[in-house]
Amino acid sequence: MKKLPECPVEVTLSLIDERWKVLIIRELLEGTKRFGKLRRTLSPISAKVLTENLREMEENDLIHREVYAEVPPKVEYSLTELGRSLEPILNEMILWGEAYKEKVKLS
């Protein structure tokens, strides 16, 4: 794992620094999903970008990747306990985003 910044806010941002990572977490908060399902729900994400983000998140212990010995291979992704602990942050982002949209609408 890379050296983490001193600032706790920077630590959090370094783990969810890309738009797709937050959206992947949002999707996995609903439950375990396969790669194809994630790709469809996160359209227009490319397979390459999704794979890169999932690998980074797995390295950072935010998601768990389960590979089943089947043909064709079946792979499922789920949040780890650490990844699930980001739920309150996403919930606050939802509340803030809704309040912002309402405020802009009234302006």
C-alpha atoms as a PDB file:
ATOM      1  CA  MET A   1       0.000   0.000   0.000  1.00  0.00           C
ATOM      2  CA  LYS A   2       1.197   3.496  -0.791  1.00  0.00           C
ATOM      3  CA  LYS A   3       2.166   5.995   1.898  1.00  0.00           C
ATOM      4  CA  LEU A   4      -0.913   7.770   3.168  1.00  0.00           C
ATOM      5  CA  PRO A   5      -1.192  11.548   3.542  1.00  0.00           C
ATOM      6  CA  GLU A   6      -1.145  13.096   7.021  1.00  0.00           C
ATOM      7  CA  CYS A   7      -4.532  14.796   6.574  1.00  0.00           C
ATOM      8  CA  PRO A   8      -7.498  12.431   7.197  1.00  0.00           C
ATOM      9  CA  VAL A   9      -9.554  14.175   4.490  1.00  0.00           C
ATOM     10  CA  GLU A  10      -6.769  13.526   1.978  1.00  0.00           C
ATOM     11  CA  VAL A  11      -6.638   9.874   3.068  1.00  0.00           C
ATOM     12  CA  THR A  12     -10.351   9.466   2.347  1.00  0.00           C
ATOM     13  CA  LEU A  13     -10.085  11.282  -0.966  1.00  0.00           C
ATOM     14  CA  SER A  14      -7.084   9.177  -2.006  1.00  0.00           C
ATOM     15  CA  LEU A  15      -9.235   6.043  -1.642  1.00  0.00           C
ATOM     16  CA  ILE A  16     -12.316   7.364  -3.458  1.00  0.00           C
ATOM     17  CA  ASP A  17     -10.603   9.973  -5.616  1.00  0.00           C
ATOM     18  CA  GLU A  18     -12.294   9.074  -8.838  1.00  0.00           C
ATOM     19  CA  ARG A  19     -15.914   9.558  -9.792  1.00  0.00           C
ATOM     20  CA  TRP A  20     -16.321   5.886 -10.617  1.00  0.00           C
ATOM     21  CA  LYS A  21     -15.104   4.637  -7.243  1.00  0.00           C
ATOM     22  CA  VAL A  22     -17.866   6.446  -5.382  1.00  0.00           C
ATOM     23  CA  LEU A  23     -20.432   5.156  -7.874  1.00  0.00           C
ATOM     24  CA  ILE A  24     -19.080   1.591  -7.573  1.00  0.00           C
ATOM     25  CA  ILE A  25     -19.473   1.832  -3.796  1.00  0.00           C
ATOM     26  CA  ARG A  26     -23.012   3.157  -4.267  1.00  0.00           C
ATOM     27  CA  GLU A  27     -23.881   0.149  -6.424  1.00  0.00           C
ATOM     28  CA  LEU A  28     -22.261  -2.388  -4.089  1.00  0.00           C
ATOM     29  CA  LEU A  29     -24.083  -0.944  -1.064  1.00  0.00           C
ATOM     30  CA  GLU A  30     -27.144  -2.600  -2.647  1.00  0.00           C
ATOM     31  CA  GLY A  31     -25.380  -5.992  -2.545  1.00  0.00           C
ATOM     32  CA  THR A  32     -22.969  -8.273  -4.377  1.00  0.00           C
ATOM     33  CA  LYS A  33     -22.775  -7.723  -8.139  1.00  0.00           C
ATOM     34  CA  ARG A  34     -21.049  -9.274 -11.110  1.00  0.00           C
ATOM     35  CA  PHE A  35     -18.802  -7.296 -13.449  1.00  0.00           C
ATOM     36  CA  GLY A  36     -21.362  -7.126 -16.260  1.00  0.00           C
ATOM     37  CA  LYS A  37     -24.086  -5.800 -13.959  1.00  0.00           C
ATOM     38  CA  LEU A  38     -21.748  -3.126 -12.591  1.00  0.00           C
ATOM     39  CA  ARG A  39     -20.766  -2.107 -16.102  1.00  0.00           C
ATOM     40  CA  ARG A  40     -24.407  -1.806 -17.213  1.00  0.00           C
ATOM     41  CA  THR A  41     -25.468   0.237 -14.182  1.00  0.00           C
ATOM     42  CA  LEU A  42     -22.421   2.507 -14.461  1.00  0.00           C
ATOM     43  CA  SER A  43     -22.725   3.113 -18.203  1.00  0.00           C
ATOM     44  CA  PRO A  44     -20.837   4.766 -19.968  1.00  0.00           C
ATOM     45  CA  ILE A  45     -17.845   3.339 -18.021  1.00  0.00           C
ATOM     46  CA  SER A  46     -15.487   1.265 -20.153  1.00  0.00           C
ATOM     47  CA  ALA A  47     -14.479  -2.265 -19.168  1.00  0.00           C
ATOM     48  CA  LYS A  48     -10.859  -1.093 -18.821  1.00  0.00           C
ATOM     49  CA  VAL A  49     -11.699   1.764 -16.448  1.00  0.00           C
ATOM     50  CA  LEU A  50     -14.044  -0.416 -14.394  1.00  0.00           C
ATOM     51  CA  THR A  51     -11.377  -3.125 -14.098  1.00  0.00           C
ATOM     52  CA  GLU A  52      -8.723  -0.590 -13.038  1.00  0.00           C
ATOM     53  CA  ASN A  53     -10.996   0.924 -10.394  1.00  0.00           C
ATOM     54  CA  LEU A  54     -12.066  -2.470  -9.037  1.00  0.00           C
ATOM     55  CA  ARG A  55      -8.428  -3.609  -8.777  1.00  0.00           C
ATOM     56  CA  GLU A  56      -7.398  -0.454  -6.904  1.00  0.00           C
ATOM     57  CA  MET A  57     -10.358  -0.762  -4.558  1.00  0.00           C
ATOM     58  CA  GLU A  58      -9.524  -4.416  -3.913  1.00  0.00           C
ATOM     59  CA  GLU A  59      -5.884  -3.486  -3.158  1.00  0.00           C
ATOM     60  CA  ASN A  60      -7.164  -0.899  -0.675  1.00  0.00           C
ATOM     61  CA  ASP A  61      -9.453  -3.472   1.000  1.00  0.00           C
ATOM     62  CA  LEU A  62     -12.636  -1.632   0.061  1.00  0.00           C
ATOM     63  CA  ILE A  63     -14.078  -4.461  -2.033  1.00  0.00           C
ATOM     64  CA  HIS A  64     -13.850  -8.238  -2.109  1.00  0.00           C
ATOM     65  CA  ARG A  65     -13.499 -10.152  -5.385  1.00  0.00           C
ATOM     66  CA  GLU A  66     -14.833 -13.701  -5.377  1.00  0.00           C
ATOM     67  CA  VAL A  67     -13.864 -15.933  -8.298  1.00  0.00           C
ATOM     68  CA  TYR A  68     -15.830 -19.132  -8.845  1.00  0.00           C
ATOM     69  CA  ALA A  69     -14.228 -22.093 -10.623  1.00  0.00           C
ATOM     70  CA  GLU A  70     -16.735 -22.287 -13.453  1.00  0.00           C
ATOM     71  CA  VAL A  71     -16.621 -22.106 -17.218  1.00  0.00           C
ATOM     72  CA  PRO A  72     -17.038 -19.339 -18.132  1.00  0.00           C
ATOM     73  CA  PRO A  73     -15.514 -17.884 -14.963  1.00  0.00           C
ATOM     74  CA  LYS A  74     -17.946 -16.219 -12.581  1.00  0.00           C
ATOM     75  CA  VAL A  75     -16.628 -13.242 -10.621  1.00  0.00           C
ATOM     76  CA  GLU A  76     -18.592 -11.308  -8.002  1.00  0.00           C
ATOM     77  CA  TYR A  77     -17.755  -8.095  -6.187  1.00  0.00           C
ATOM     78  CA  SER A  78     -18.922  -7.008  -2.767  1.00  0.00           C
ATOM     79  CA  LEU A  79     -17.943  -4.415  -0.206  1.00  0.00           C
ATOM     80  CA  THR A  80     -15.662  -5.359   2.638  1.00  0.00           C
ATOM     81  CA  GLU A  81     -16.491  -4.184   6.139  1.00  0.00           C
ATOM     82  CA  LEU A  82     -14.111  -1.280   5.536  1.00  0.00           C
ATOM     83  CA  GLY A  83     -15.819  -0.435   2.241  1.00  0.00           C
ATOM     84  CA  ARG A  84     -19.243  -0.623   3.865  1.00  0.00           C
ATOM     85  CA  SER A  85     -18.058   1.862   6.501  1.00  0.00           C
ATOM     86  CA  LEU A  86     -18.128   4.531   3.738  1.00  0.00           C
ATOM     87  CA  GLU A  87     -21.945   4.323   3.630  1.00  0.00           C
ATOM     88  CA  PRO A  88     -22.526   7.280   6.008  1.00  0.00           C
ATOM     89  CA  ILE A  89     -20.258   9.438   3.842  1.00  0.00           C
ATOM     90  CA  LEU A  90     -22.230   8.564   0.719  1.00  0.00           C
ATOM     91  CA  ASN A  91     -25.499   9.185   2.561  1.00  0.00           C
ATOM     92  CA  GLU A  92     -24.292  12.660   3.524  1.00  0.00           C
ATOM     93  CA  MET A  93     -23.270  13.297  -0.086  1.00  0.00           C
ATOM     94  CA  ILE A  94     -26.810  12.354  -1.159  1.00  0.00           C
ATOM     95  CA  LEU A  95     -28.359  14.748   1.366  1.00  0.00           C
ATOM     96  CA  TRP A  96     -26.012  17.550   0.405  1.00  0.00           C
ATOM     97  CA  GLY A  97     -26.607  16.976  -3.318  1.00  0.00           C
ATOM     98  CA  GLU A  98     -30.377  17.004  -2.861  1.00  0.00           C
ATOM     99  CA  ALA A  99     -30.225  20.216  -0.800  1.00  0.00           C
ATOM    100  CA  TYR A 100     -27.975  21.845  -3.396  1.00  0.00           C
ATOM    101  CA  LYS A 101     -30.270  20.902  -6.272  1.00  0.00           C
ATOM    102  CA  GLU A 102     -33.241  22.310  -4.353  1.00  0.00           C
ATOM    103  CA  LYS A 103     -31.397  25.552  -3.570  1.00  0.00           C
ATOM    104  CA  VAL A 104     -30.327  26.030  -7.203  1.00  0.00           C
ATOM    105  CA  LYS A 105     -33.869  25.321  -8.371  1.00  0.00           C
ATOM    106  CA  LEU A 106     -35.202  28.071  -6.103  1.00  0.00           C
ATOM    107  CA  SER A 107     -32.597  30.660  -7.234  1.00  0.00           C
END
